[in-house]
C-alpha atoms as a PDB file:
ATOM      1  CA  MET A   1     -19.263 -65.271  -7.338  1.00  0.00           C
ATOM      2  CA  ASN A   2     -21.933 -62.827  -6.181  1.00  0.00           C
ATOM      3  CA  LYS A   3     -19.340 -60.053  -6.105  1.00  0.00           C
ATOM      4  CA  PHE A   4     -18.298 -60.898  -9.657  1.00  0.00           C
ATOM      5  CA  LEU A   5     -21.937 -60.781 -10.894  1.00  0.00           C
ATOM      6  CA  LYS A   6     -22.488 -57.483  -9.125  1.00  0.00           C
ATOM      7  CA  HIS A   7     -19.434 -55.963 -10.797  1.00  0.00           C
ATOM      8  CA  LEU A   8     -20.468 -57.405 -14.163  1.00  0.00           C
ATOM      9  CA  ILE A   9     -23.941 -55.888 -13.916  1.00  0.00           C
ATOM     10  CA  MET A  10     -22.461 -52.533 -12.891  1.00  0.00           C
ATOM     11  CA  PHE A  11     -20.029 -52.689 -15.816  1.00  0.00           C
ATOM     12  CA  PHE A  12     -22.770 -53.321 -18.364  1.00  0.00           C
ATOM     13  CA  GLY A  13     -24.967 -50.675 -16.749  1.00  0.00           C
ATOM     14  CA  PHE A  14     -22.291 -47.991 -16.927  1.00  0.00           C
ATOM     15  CA  THR A  15     -21.361 -49.111 -20.457  1.00  0.00           C
ATOM     16  CA  ALA A  16     -24.978 -48.735 -21.626  1.00  0.00           C
ATOM     17  CA  ILE A  17     -25.288 -45.288 -20.040  1.00  0.00           C
ATOM     18  CA  GLY A  18     -21.950 -44.223 -21.518  1.00  0.00           C
ATOM     19  CA  TYR A  19     -22.945 -45.438 -24.974  1.00  0.00           C
ATOM     20  CA  CYS A  20     -26.192 -43.481 -24.838  1.00  0.00           C
ATOM     21  CA  LEU A  21     -24.413 -40.305 -23.698  1.00  0.00           C
ATOM     22  CA  ILE A  22     -21.851 -40.597 -26.491  1.00  0.00           C
ATOM     23  CA  LEU A  23     -24.602 -41.326 -29.045  1.00  0.00           C
ATOM     24  CA  TRP A  24     -26.714 -38.362 -27.963  1.00  0.00           C
ATOM     25  CA  SER A  25     -23.739 -35.985 -27.828  1.00  0.00           C
ATOM     26  CA  TRP A  26     -22.442 -37.094 -31.223  1.00  0.00           C
ATOM     27  CA  SER A  27     -25.853 -36.900 -32.868  1.00  0.00           C
ATOM     28  CA  TYR A  28     -26.827 -33.578 -31.345  1.00  0.00           C
ATOM     29  CA  LEU A  29     -23.535 -31.698 -31.649  1.00  0.00           C
ATOM     30  CA  ILE A  30     -21.916 -32.990 -34.852  1.00  0.00           C
ATOM     31  CA  PRO A  31     -23.379 -31.079 -37.838  1.00  0.00           C
ATOM     32  CA  TYR A  32     -22.028 -33.300 -40.609  1.00  0.00           C
ATOM     33  CA  GLU A  33     -24.441 -36.032 -41.710  1.00  0.00           C
ATOM     34  CA  ALA A  34     -21.617 -37.888 -43.510  1.00  0.00           C
ATOM     35  CA  MET A  35     -20.084 -38.594 -40.097  1.00  0.00           C
ATOM     36  CA  LYS A  36     -23.278 -40.285 -38.844  1.00  0.00           C
ATOM     37  CA  LYS A  37     -23.319 -43.485 -40.884  1.00  0.00           C
ATOM     38  CA  ASN A  38     -25.077 -45.435 -38.115  1.00  0.00           C
ATOM     39  CA  MET A  39     -27.346 -42.584 -37.076  1.00  0.00           C
ATOM     40  CA  ASN A  40     -29.926 -40.581 -39.014  1.00  0.00           C
ATOM     41  CA  TYR A  41     -32.434 -38.458 -37.117  1.00  0.00           C
ATOM     42  CA  GLN A  42     -34.323 -35.929 -39.267  1.00  0.00           C
ATOM     43  CA  VAL A  43     -37.491 -34.262 -38.011  1.00  0.00           C
ATOM     44  CA  GLY A  44     -39.490 -32.762 -40.863  1.00  0.00           C
ATOM     45  CA  SER A  45     -37.586 -34.796 -43.415  1.00  0.00           C
ATOM     46  CA  TYR A  46     -38.460 -35.483 -47.050  1.00  0.00           C
ATOM     47  CA  GLY A  47     -42.075 -36.559 -47.520  1.00  0.00           C
ATOM     48  CA  HIS A  48     -43.814 -34.365 -44.901  1.00  0.00           C
ATOM     49  CA  MET A  49     -44.206 -37.238 -42.413  1.00  0.00           C
ATOM     50  CA  PHE A  50     -44.075 -34.801 -39.488  1.00  0.00           C
ATOM     51  CA  SER A  51     -47.044 -32.843 -40.902  1.00  0.00           C
ATOM     52  CA  ARG A  52     -48.958 -36.074 -41.444  1.00  0.00           C
ATOM     53  CA  MET A  53     -48.316 -37.238 -37.880  1.00  0.00           C
ATOM     54  CA  SER A  54     -49.323 -33.839 -36.489  1.00  0.00           C
ATOM     55  CA  GLU A  55     -52.568 -33.721 -38.456  1.00  0.00           C
ATOM     56  CA  ILE A  56     -53.668 -37.259 -37.642  1.00  0.00           C
ATOM     57  CA  LYS A  57     -54.151 -36.337 -33.974  1.00  0.00           C
ATOM     58  CA  GLN A  58     -57.297 -34.414 -34.984  1.00  0.00           C
ATOM     59  CA  VAL A  59     -58.676 -36.989 -37.464  1.00  0.00           C
ATOM     60  CA  LYS A  60     -61.401 -39.550 -36.716  1.00  0.00           C
ATOM     61  CA  ASN A  61     -63.763 -41.773 -38.694  1.00  0.00           C
ATOM     62  CA  VAL A  62     -62.569 -41.734 -42.295  1.00  0.00           C
ATOM     63  CA  ASP A  63     -63.941 -43.730 -45.208  1.00  0.00           C
ATOM     64  CA  ILE A  64     -60.544 -44.836 -46.539  1.00  0.00           C
ATOM     65  CA  LEU A  65     -57.153 -45.162 -44.871  1.00  0.00           C
ATOM     66  CA  VAL A  66     -54.260 -45.234 -47.375  1.00  0.00           C
ATOM     67  CA  LEU A  67     -50.931 -46.882 -46.564  1.00  0.00           C
ATOM     68  CA  GLY A  68     -47.797 -47.364 -48.650  1.00  0.00           C
ATOM     69  CA  SER A  69     -44.635 -45.681 -49.889  1.00  0.00           C
ATOM     70  CA  SER A  70     -44.235 -42.437 -51.849  1.00  0.00           C
ATOM     71  CA  HIS A  71     -46.543 -43.936 -54.479  1.00  0.00           C
ATOM     72  CA  ALA A  72     -49.228 -43.695 -51.791  1.00  0.00           C
ATOM     73  CA  TYR A  73     -48.730 -40.196 -50.391  1.00  0.00           C
ATOM     74  CA  ARG A  74     -48.074 -38.821 -53.892  1.00  0.00           C
ATOM     75  CA  GLY A  75     -50.776 -40.857 -55.617  1.00  0.00           C
ATOM     76  CA  PHE A  76     -54.014 -40.579 -53.597  1.00  0.00           C
ATOM     77  CA  ASP A  77     -55.334 -37.012 -53.361  1.00  0.00           C
ATOM     78  CA  PRO A  78     -57.985 -36.526 -50.617  1.00  0.00           C
ATOM     79  CA  ARG A  79     -59.430 -33.524 -52.505  1.00  0.00           C
ATOM     80  CA  ILE A  80     -60.440 -35.721 -55.449  1.00  0.00           C
ATOM     81  CA  PHE A  81     -62.104 -38.258 -53.165  1.00  0.00           C
ATOM     82  CA  GLU A  82     -63.839 -35.468 -51.240  1.00  0.00           C
ATOM     83  CA  ARG A  83     -65.434 -34.247 -54.475  1.00  0.00           C
ATOM     84  CA  ASN A  84     -67.033 -37.681 -54.638  1.00  0.00           C
ATOM     85  CA  GLY A  85     -68.202 -37.627 -51.014  1.00  0.00           C
ATOM     86  CA  ILE A  86     -65.394 -39.879 -49.730  1.00  0.00           C
ATOM     87  CA  ARG A  87     -63.189 -38.944 -46.775  1.00  0.00           C
ATOM     88  CA  VAL A  88     -59.588 -40.171 -47.052  1.00  0.00           C
ATOM     89  CA  PHE A  89     -56.535 -39.963 -44.842  1.00  0.00           C
ATOM     90  CA  ASN A  90     -53.190 -40.817 -46.429  1.00  0.00           C
ATOM     91  CA  LEU A  91     -50.667 -42.449 -44.067  1.00  0.00           C
ATOM     92  CA  GLY A  92     -48.061 -43.162 -46.725  1.00  0.00           C
ATOM     93  CA  SER A  93     -44.396 -42.388 -46.035  1.00  0.00           C
ATOM     94  CA  SER A  94     -41.124 -42.443 -47.918  1.00  0.00           C
ATOM     95  CA  ASN A  95     -39.996 -46.007 -48.709  1.00  0.00           C
ATOM     96  CA  GLN A  96     -42.632 -47.385 -46.347  1.00  0.00           C
ATOM     97  CA  THR A  97     -42.464 -51.174 -46.294  1.00  0.00           C
ATOM     98  CA  PRO A  98     -45.035 -53.595 -44.828  1.00  0.00           C
ATOM     99  CA  LYS A  99     -43.077 -53.463 -41.538  1.00  0.00           C
ATOM    100  CA  GLN A 100     -43.906 -49.787 -41.062  1.00  0.00           C
ATOM    101  CA  ALA A 101     -47.369 -50.064 -42.624  1.00  0.00           C
ATOM    102  CA  LEU A 102     -48.366 -52.718 -40.081  1.00  0.00           C
ATOM    103  CA  SER A 103     -47.096 -50.548 -37.208  1.00  0.00           C
ATOM    104  CA  LEU A 104     -49.073 -47.517 -38.427  1.00  0.00           C
ATOM    105  CA  LEU A 105     -52.164 -49.619 -39.050  1.00  0.00           C
ATOM    106  CA  ARG A 106     -52.182 -51.038 -35.514  1.00  0.00           C
ATOM    107  CA  THR A 107     -51.540 -47.603 -33.985  1.00  0.00           C
ATOM    108  CA  TYR A 108     -54.212 -45.580 -35.760  1.00  0.00           C
ATOM    109  CA  ILE A 109     -56.946 -47.895 -37.004  1.00  0.00           C
ATOM    110  CA  ASP A 110     -59.147 -47.499 -33.919  1.00  0.00           C
ATOM    111  CA  GLU A 111     -59.133 -43.689 -34.070  1.00  0.00           C
ATOM    112  CA  LEU A 112     -59.530 -43.482 -37.843  1.00  0.00           C
ATOM    113  CA  ASN A 113     -62.087 -46.315 -37.951  1.00  0.00           C
ATOM    114  CA  PRO A 114     -61.889 -46.681 -41.769  1.00  0.00           C
ATOM    115  CA  LYS A 115     -64.481 -48.513 -43.831  1.00  0.00           C
ATOM    116  CA  LEU A 116     -61.681 -49.544 -46.197  1.00  0.00           C
ATOM    117  CA  VAL A 117     -57.919 -49.921 -45.727  1.00  0.00           C
ATOM    118  CA  LEU A 118     -56.161 -49.367 -49.044  1.00  0.00           C
ATOM    119  CA  TYR A 119     -52.534 -50.479 -49.378  1.00  0.00           C
ATOM    120  CA  GLU A 120     -50.410 -49.437 -52.368  1.00  0.00           C
ATOM    121  CA  VAL A 121     -48.256 -52.435 -53.295  1.00  0.00           C
ATOM    122  CA  TYR A 122     -45.516 -51.164 -55.611  1.00  0.00           C
ATOM    123  CA  PRO A 123     -43.438 -54.371 -56.052  1.00  0.00           C
ATOM    124  CA  GLY A 124     -40.098 -52.573 -55.689  1.00  0.00           C
ATOM    125  CA  ILE A 125     -40.805 -51.749 -52.058  1.00  0.00           C
ATOM    126  CA  PHE A 126     -40.820 -55.454 -51.169  1.00  0.00           C
ATOM    127  CA  GLN A 127     -37.110 -55.567 -52.057  1.00  0.00           C
ATOM    128  CA  ASN A 128     -36.383 -52.968 -49.353  1.00  0.00           C
ATOM    129  CA  ASP A 129     -35.093 -53.808 -45.855  1.00  0.00           C
ATOM    130  CA  GLY A 130     -37.237 -51.073 -44.279  1.00  0.00           C
ATOM    131  CA  VAL A 131     -34.384 -49.290 -42.461  1.00  0.00           C
ATOM    132  CA  GLU A 132     -34.843 -45.889 -44.145  1.00  0.00           C
ATOM    133  CA  SER A 133     -38.586 -45.876 -43.526  1.00  0.00           C
ATOM    134  CA  SER A 134     -38.088 -46.882 -39.886  1.00  0.00           C
ATOM    135  CA  LEU A 135     -35.860 -43.822 -39.334  1.00  0.00           C
ATOM    136  CA  ASP A 136     -38.460 -41.528 -40.892  1.00  0.00           C
ATOM    137  CA  LEU A 137     -41.191 -42.940 -38.685  1.00  0.00           C
ATOM    138  CA  ILE A 138     -39.159 -42.855 -35.461  1.00  0.00           C
ATOM    139  CA  ALA A 139     -38.101 -39.219 -35.928  1.00  0.00           C
ATOM    140  CA  ASN A 140     -41.516 -37.864 -36.938  1.00  0.00           C
ATOM    141  CA  GLU A 141     -44.023 -39.881 -34.897  1.00  0.00           C
ATOM    142  CA  GLU A 142     -44.515 -39.677 -31.144  1.00  0.00           C
ATOM    143  CA  LEU A 143     -42.952 -42.734 -29.565  1.00  0.00           C
ATOM    144  CA  ASN A 144     -45.374 -45.600 -28.895  1.00  0.00           C
ATOM    145  CA  TRP A 145     -45.236 -49.356 -28.312  1.00  0.00           C
ATOM    146  CA  GLU A 146     -45.928 -50.205 -31.952  1.00  0.00           C
ATOM    147  CA  THR A 147     -42.982 -48.084 -33.090  1.00  0.00           C
ATOM    148  CA  LEU A 148     -40.752 -49.795 -30.530  1.00  0.00           C
ATOM    149  CA  ASN A 149     -41.944 -53.177 -31.767  1.00  0.00           C
ATOM    150  CA  MET A 150     -41.339 -52.138 -35.377  1.00  0.00           C
ATOM    151  CA  ALA A 151     -37.783 -51.050 -34.536  1.00  0.00           C
ATOM    152  CA  THR A 152     -36.956 -54.431 -32.993  1.00  0.00           C
ATOM    153  CA  ARG A 153     -38.350 -56.237 -36.041  1.00  0.00           C
ATOM    154  CA  VAL A 154     -36.257 -54.102 -38.405  1.00  0.00           C
ATOM    155  CA  ASN A 155     -33.339 -55.060 -36.130  1.00  0.00           C
ATOM    156  CA  HIS A 156     -30.662 -52.727 -37.497  1.00  0.00           C
ATOM    157  CA  LEU A 157     -28.000 -50.703 -35.656  1.00  0.00           C
ATOM    158  CA  LYS A 158     -29.018 -47.483 -37.409  1.00  0.00           C
ATOM    159  CA  THR A 159     -32.632 -47.982 -36.319  1.00  0.00           C
ATOM    160  CA  TYR A 160     -31.659 -48.701 -32.699  1.00  0.00           C
ATOM    161  CA  ASN A 161     -29.353 -45.666 -32.524  1.00  0.00           C
ATOM    162  CA  THR A 162     -32.015 -43.389 -33.979  1.00  0.00           C
ATOM    163  CA  LEU A 163     -34.564 -44.799 -31.542  1.00  0.00           C
ATOM    164  CA  LEU A 164     -32.302 -44.101 -28.546  1.00  0.00           C
ATOM    165  CA  PHE A 165     -31.688 -40.557 -29.743  1.00  0.00           C
ATOM    166  CA  ASP A 166     -35.434 -40.022 -30.264  1.00  0.00           C
ATOM    167  CA  ILE A 167     -36.118 -41.140 -26.678  1.00  0.00           C
ATOM    168  CA  PHE A 168     -33.644 -38.489 -25.514  1.00  0.00           C
ATOM    169  CA  MET A 169     -35.105 -35.766 -27.769  1.00  0.00           C
ATOM    170  CA  GLU A 170     -38.686 -36.491 -26.732  1.00  0.00           C
ATOM    171  CA  SER A 171     -37.739 -36.619 -23.048  1.00  0.00           C
ATOM    172  CA  ILE A 172     -36.365 -33.042 -23.192  1.00  0.00           C
ATOM    173  CA  GLY A 173     -39.166 -31.800 -25.484  1.00  0.00           C
ATOM    174  CA  ALA A 174     -36.684 -30.729 -28.148  1.00  0.00           C
ATOM    175  CA  ASN A 175     -39.207 -30.782 -31.022  1.00  0.00           C
ATOM    176  CA  ARG A 176     -42.158 -29.372 -29.102  1.00  0.00           C
ATOM    177  CA  HIS A 177     -42.226 -26.113 -31.049  1.00  0.00           C
ATOM    178  CA  PHE A 178     -41.169 -27.461 -34.437  1.00  0.00           C
ATOM    179  CA  ARG A 179     -43.491 -26.543 -37.328  1.00  0.00           C
ATOM    180  CA  GLU A 180     -42.961 -28.006 -40.794  1.00  0.00           C
ATOM    181  CA  PRO A 181     -43.554 -25.660 -43.760  1.00  0.00           C
ATOM    182  CA  GLU A 182     -46.436 -26.698 -46.027  1.00  0.00           C
ATOM    183  CA  LYS A 183     -44.320 -26.001 -49.102  1.00  0.00           C
ATOM    184  CA  LYS A 184     -40.789 -27.318 -49.418  1.00  0.00           C
ATOM    185  CA  GLY A 185     -39.155 -26.974 -52.824  1.00  0.00           C
ATOM    186  CA  ASP A 186     -41.459 -28.559 -55.405  1.00  0.00           C
ATOM    187  CA  ASP A 187     -43.596 -30.300 -52.742  1.00  0.00           C
ATOM    188  CA  LEU A 188     -46.802 -28.940 -51.212  1.00  0.00           C
ATOM    189  CA  TYR A 189     -48.480 -30.668 -48.263  1.00  0.00           C
ATOM    190  CA  ILE A 190     -52.243 -31.028 -48.671  1.00  0.00           C
ATOM    191  CA  PRO A 191     -54.438 -31.745 -45.602  1.00  0.00           C
ATOM    192  CA  GLY A 192     -55.306 -35.414 -45.506  1.00  0.00           C
ATOM    193  CA  GLY A 193     -51.702 -36.587 -45.865  1.00  0.00           C
ATOM    194  CA  TYR A 194     -51.156 -35.954 -49.588  1.00  0.00           C
ATOM    195  CA  VAL A 195     -48.059 -34.303 -51.101  1.00  0.00           C
ATOM    196  CA  GLU A 196     -48.569 -32.544 -54.430  1.00  0.00           C
ATOM    197  CA  LYS A 197     -45.586 -32.201 -56.748  1.00  0.00           C
ATOM    198  CA  SER A 198     -45.262 -28.958 -58.722  1.00  0.00           C
ATOM    199  CA  ASP A 199     -46.520 -29.332 -62.309  1.00  0.00           C
ATOM    200  CA  GLY A 200     -43.332 -27.734 -63.580  1.00  0.00           C
ATOM    201  CA  TYR A 201     -41.140 -30.443 -62.081  1.00  0.00           C
ATOM    202  CA  THR A 202     -39.810 -33.334 -64.180  1.00  0.00           C
ATOM    203  CA  ARG A 203     -37.061 -35.725 -63.125  1.00  0.00           C
ATOM    204  CA  LYS A 204     -34.941 -36.690 -66.126  1.00  0.00           C
ATOM    205  CA  GLN A 205     -34.775 -40.455 -66.465  1.00  0.00           C
ATOM    206  CA  LYS A 206     -33.761 -43.085 -68.977  1.00  0.00           C
ATOM    207  CA  MET A 207     -35.600 -46.318 -69.601  1.00  0.00           C
ATOM    208  CA  GLY A 208     -33.713 -49.260 -68.119  1.00  0.00           C
ATOM    209  CA  ARG A 209     -33.275 -52.856 -69.245  1.00  0.00           C
ATOM    210  CA  LYS A 210     -35.508 -55.884 -68.855  1.00  0.00           C
ATOM    211  CA  SER A 211     -35.629 -57.021 -65.257  1.00  0.00           C
ATOM    212  CA  SER A 212     -37.633 -58.955 -62.653  1.00  0.00           C
ATOM    213  CA  TRP A 213     -39.144 -58.145 -59.275  1.00  0.00           C
ATOM    214  CA  ASN A 214     -37.823 -60.045 -56.252  1.00  0.00           C
ATOM    215  CA  PHE A 215     -39.489 -60.128 -52.838  1.00  0.00           C
ATOM    216  CA  ARG A 216     -37.881 -60.334 -49.396  1.00  0.00           C
ATOM    217  CA  GLU A 217     -39.543 -63.102 -47.416  1.00  0.00           C
ATOM    218  CA  ASP A 218     -39.789 -60.971 -44.264  1.00  0.00           C
ATOM    219  CA  GLN A 219     -41.621 -58.171 -46.085  1.00  0.00           C
ATOM    220  CA  TRP A 220     -44.067 -60.629 -47.614  1.00  0.00           C
ATOM    221  CA  GLY A 221     -44.654 -62.036 -44.127  1.00  0.00           C
ATOM    222  CA  PHE A 222     -45.564 -58.592 -42.801  1.00  0.00           C
ATOM    223  CA  LEU A 223     -48.060 -58.116 -45.631  1.00  0.00           C
ATOM    224  CA  VAL A 224     -49.654 -61.428 -44.647  1.00  0.00           C
ATOM    225  CA  GLU A 225     -49.848 -60.127 -41.067  1.00  0.00           C
ATOM    226  CA  MET A 226     -51.618 -57.009 -42.298  1.00  0.00           C
ATOM    227  CA  VAL A 227     -54.190 -59.046 -44.192  1.00  0.00           C
ATOM    228  CA  ASN A 228     -54.803 -61.298 -41.184  1.00  0.00           C
ATOM    229  CA  PHE A 229     -55.090 -58.276 -38.869  1.00  0.00           C
ATOM    230  CA  ILE A 230     -57.811 -56.700 -41.035  1.00  0.00           C
ATOM    231  CA  ASN A 231     -59.614 -60.019 -41.522  1.00  0.00           C
ATOM    232  CA  LYS A 232     -59.811 -60.566 -37.752  1.00  0.00           C
ATOM    233  CA  ARG A 233     -61.466 -57.157 -37.447  1.00  0.00           C
ATOM    234  CA  GLN A 234     -63.844 -58.110 -40.278  1.00  0.00           C
ATOM    235  CA  GLY A 235     -62.772 -55.019 -42.196  1.00  0.00           C
ATOM    236  CA  SER A 236     -62.267 -54.361 -45.900  1.00  0.00           C
ATOM    237  CA  PHE A 237     -58.741 -54.461 -47.302  1.00  0.00           C
ATOM    238  CA  LEU A 238     -57.757 -53.626 -50.875  1.00  0.00           C
ATOM    239  CA  MET A 239     -54.282 -53.873 -52.396  1.00  0.00           C
ATOM    240  CA  VAL A 240     -53.662 -51.480 -55.274  1.00  0.00           C
ATOM    241  CA  GLN A 241     -50.769 -51.149 -57.680  1.00  0.00           C
ATOM    242  CA  SER A 242     -50.681 -47.570 -58.959  1.00  0.00           C
ATOM    243  CA  PRO A 243     -50.121 -46.931 -62.663  1.00  0.00           C
ATOM    244  CA  VAL A 244     -46.565 -46.254 -63.822  1.00  0.00           C
ATOM    245  CA  ASP A 245     -45.195 -45.370 -67.263  1.00  0.00           C
ATOM    246  CA  ARG A 246     -46.499 -48.057 -69.651  1.00  0.00           C
ATOM    247  CA  GLU A 247     -43.049 -48.828 -71.116  1.00  0.00           C
ATOM    248  CA  TYR A 248     -41.522 -48.992 -67.640  1.00  0.00           C
ATOM    249  CA  PHE A 249     -44.220 -51.451 -66.562  1.00  0.00           C
ATOM    250  CA  GLN A 250     -43.363 -53.719 -69.491  1.00  0.00           C
ATOM    251  CA  LEU A 251     -39.677 -53.854 -68.485  1.00  0.00           C
ATOM    252  CA  PHE A 252     -40.446 -56.345 -65.715  1.00  0.00           C
ATOM    253  CA  ASP A 253     -41.012 -59.819 -67.093  1.00  0.00           C
ATOM    254  CA  ASN A 254     -42.721 -61.311 -64.013  1.00  0.00           C
ATOM    255  CA  GLN A 255     -45.643 -58.895 -63.658  1.00  0.00           C
ATOM    256  CA  ASP A 256     -48.144 -61.741 -64.102  1.00  0.00           C
ATOM    257  CA  GLU A 257     -46.451 -63.617 -61.287  1.00  0.00           C
ATOM    258  CA  MET A 258     -46.669 -60.526 -59.055  1.00  0.00           C
ATOM    259  CA  ASP A 259     -50.384 -60.159 -59.789  1.00  0.00           C
ATOM    260  CA  GLU A 260     -51.003 -63.794 -58.891  1.00  0.00           C
ATOM    261  CA  LYS A 261     -49.003 -63.411 -55.679  1.00  0.00           C
ATOM    262  CA  PHE A 262     -51.031 -60.422 -54.485  1.00  0.00           C
ATOM    263  CA  GLN A 263     -54.329 -61.951 -55.600  1.00  0.00           C
ATOM    264  CA  SER A 264     -53.572 -65.025 -53.488  1.00  0.00           C
ATOM    265  CA  LEU A 265     -53.933 -62.843 -50.372  1.00  0.00           C
ATOM    266  CA  GLY A 266     -57.183 -61.044 -51.167  1.00  0.00           C
ATOM    267  CA  ASP A 267     -58.694 -58.172 -53.136  1.00  0.00           C
ATOM    268  CA  TYR A 268     -56.191 -56.600 -55.506  1.00  0.00           C
ATOM    269  CA  ILE A 269     -56.274 -54.250 -58.510  1.00  0.00           C
ATOM    270  CA  ASN A 270     -53.317 -53.547 -60.792  1.00  0.00           C
ATOM    271  CA  PHE A 271     -54.228 -50.270 -62.489  1.00  0.00           C
ATOM    272  CA  ASN A 272     -51.500 -50.777 -65.076  1.00  0.00           C
ATOM    273  CA  ARG A 273     -53.900 -53.338 -66.540  1.00  0.00           C
ATOM    274  CA  LEU A 274     -56.757 -50.814 -66.671  1.00  0.00           C
ATOM    275  CA  MET A 275     -55.077 -47.652 -67.927  1.00  0.00           C
ATOM    276  CA  GLU A 276     -51.933 -46.571 -69.781  1.00  0.00           C
ATOM    277  CA  LEU A 277     -50.080 -43.485 -68.576  1.00  0.00           C
ATOM    278  CA  GLU A 278     -46.938 -41.957 -70.035  1.00  0.00           C
ATOM    279  CA  TYR A 279     -43.853 -40.166 -68.741  1.00  0.00           C
ATOM    280  CA  PRO A 280     -43.480 -37.188 -68.774  1.00  0.00           C
ATOM    281  CA  LYS A 281     -47.095 -36.349 -69.658  1.00  0.00           C
ATOM    282  CA  ASP A 282     -48.707 -38.100 -66.675  1.00  0.00           C
ATOM    283  CA  LEU A 283     -45.679 -38.818 -64.471  1.00  0.00           C
ATOM    284  CA  TYR A 284     -42.779 -36.665 -63.269  1.00  0.00           C
ATOM    285  CA  ASP A 285     -40.518 -39.729 -63.345  1.00  0.00           C
ATOM    286  CA  LEU A 286     -41.034 -43.280 -64.561  1.00  0.00           C
ATOM    287  CA  HIS A 287     -43.148 -44.397 -61.604  1.00  0.00           C
ATOM    288  CA  HIS A 288     -44.408 -41.293 -59.726  1.00  0.00           C
ATOM    289  CA  LEU A 289     -47.548 -39.527 -60.918  1.00  0.00           C
ATOM    290  CA  ARG A 290     -47.755 -35.809 -61.555  1.00  0.00           C
ATOM    291  CA  GLN A 291     -51.074 -34.104 -60.709  1.00  0.00           C
ATOM    292  CA  SER A 292     -52.692 -34.805 -64.094  1.00  0.00           C
ATOM    293  CA  GLY A 293     -51.878 -38.493 -63.662  1.00  0.00           C
ATOM    294  CA  VAL A 294     -53.203 -38.498 -60.093  1.00  0.00           C
ATOM    295  CA  GLU A 295     -56.507 -37.059 -61.342  1.00  0.00           C
ATOM    296  CA  LYS A 296     -56.895 -39.810 -63.944  1.00  0.00           C
ATOM    297  CA  PHE A 297     -55.861 -42.571 -61.568  1.00  0.00           C
ATOM    298  CA  ASN A 298     -58.007 -41.456 -58.635  1.00  0.00           C
ATOM    299  CA  GLU A 299     -61.134 -41.080 -60.764  1.00  0.00           C
ATOM    300  CA  GLU A 300     -60.641 -44.622 -62.083  1.00  0.00           C
ATOM    301  CA  LEU A 301     -60.011 -45.902 -58.546  1.00  0.00           C
ATOM    302  CA  ILE A 302     -63.151 -44.233 -57.187  1.00  0.00           C
ATOM    303  CA  LYS A 303     -65.121 -45.845 -59.995  1.00  0.00           C
ATOM    304  CA  GLU A 304     -63.775 -49.303 -59.065  1.00  0.00           C
ATOM    305  CA  ILE A 305     -64.395 -48.777 -55.340  1.00  0.00           C
ATOM    306  CA  THR A 306     -67.953 -47.627 -55.997  1.00  0.00           C
ATOM    307  CA  GLU A 307     -68.782 -50.485 -58.356  1.00  0.00           C
ATOM    308  CA  ARG A 308     -67.424 -53.042 -55.864  1.00  0.00           C
ATOM    309  CA  ASN A 309     -69.411 -51.519 -52.975  1.00  0.00           C
ATOM    310  CA  TYR A 310     -66.417 -51.234 -50.620  1.00  0.00           C
ATOM    311  CA  LEU A 311     -67.925 -48.284 -48.770  1.00  0.00           C
ATOM    312  CA  LYS A 312     -71.487 -49.555 -48.330  1.00  0.00           C
END
């Protein structure tokens, strides 16, 4: 019996090592992304997450920490806040769900020591499983326990494979000398974590049909964890829904229900109720702001934050 167990352990050990070697070889040597359906490792990918993670190492003691998806890192411009004497760092990332937001919050809150944590709660992101965002975070952030924990909670083969490959890449220092360009296509990285879209860019879109937002229970649970985490630290937490095209906003027939759901957790502002913006004048697509829209939105947000004394 003992001999059988010994052989079984050896078998699984060699199998695990073999799997990792095959995974690393396949990922590192095969150039065709279409052949990597259960593997996606992109350093310096869309959204400038690598630049954000590199910059944050030198940042301490901000007034506001921003979390959320592309609506966050494309919607909150640190330069506008700085003009008003407010220091912001934007930790948004592409398709970031509450699973990744919670991981980032736990990792960086002590160093950043924000007076206010601001979370952009675009309802569509709560329909997402979080796999894509987990890959972005794993590839562009230095490995830490919170990222490992996040990967297990996403619990997807693609996430596990990417995590294993990242462990290999970090162990050999493969990305040590990588530098991400500030400007990539129509995107320009601005210190403080913001990505500015070129004013000349417009994504052609058609208005859809009437629809409803639906939440995944696990994503809602992670948002609850975020709220509880901040409350235990006796910090300030504000949920914000950024303005989208006014006609697009009206397509969803359960917006009131969404507002009530967010308000049940704590402080929340839906800026679609306070201002009306239009595509393509203020947005480069139906729900992402161009710079003129960001200016209008951020000024209104700063006004609300000031009046509510969040930074006192």
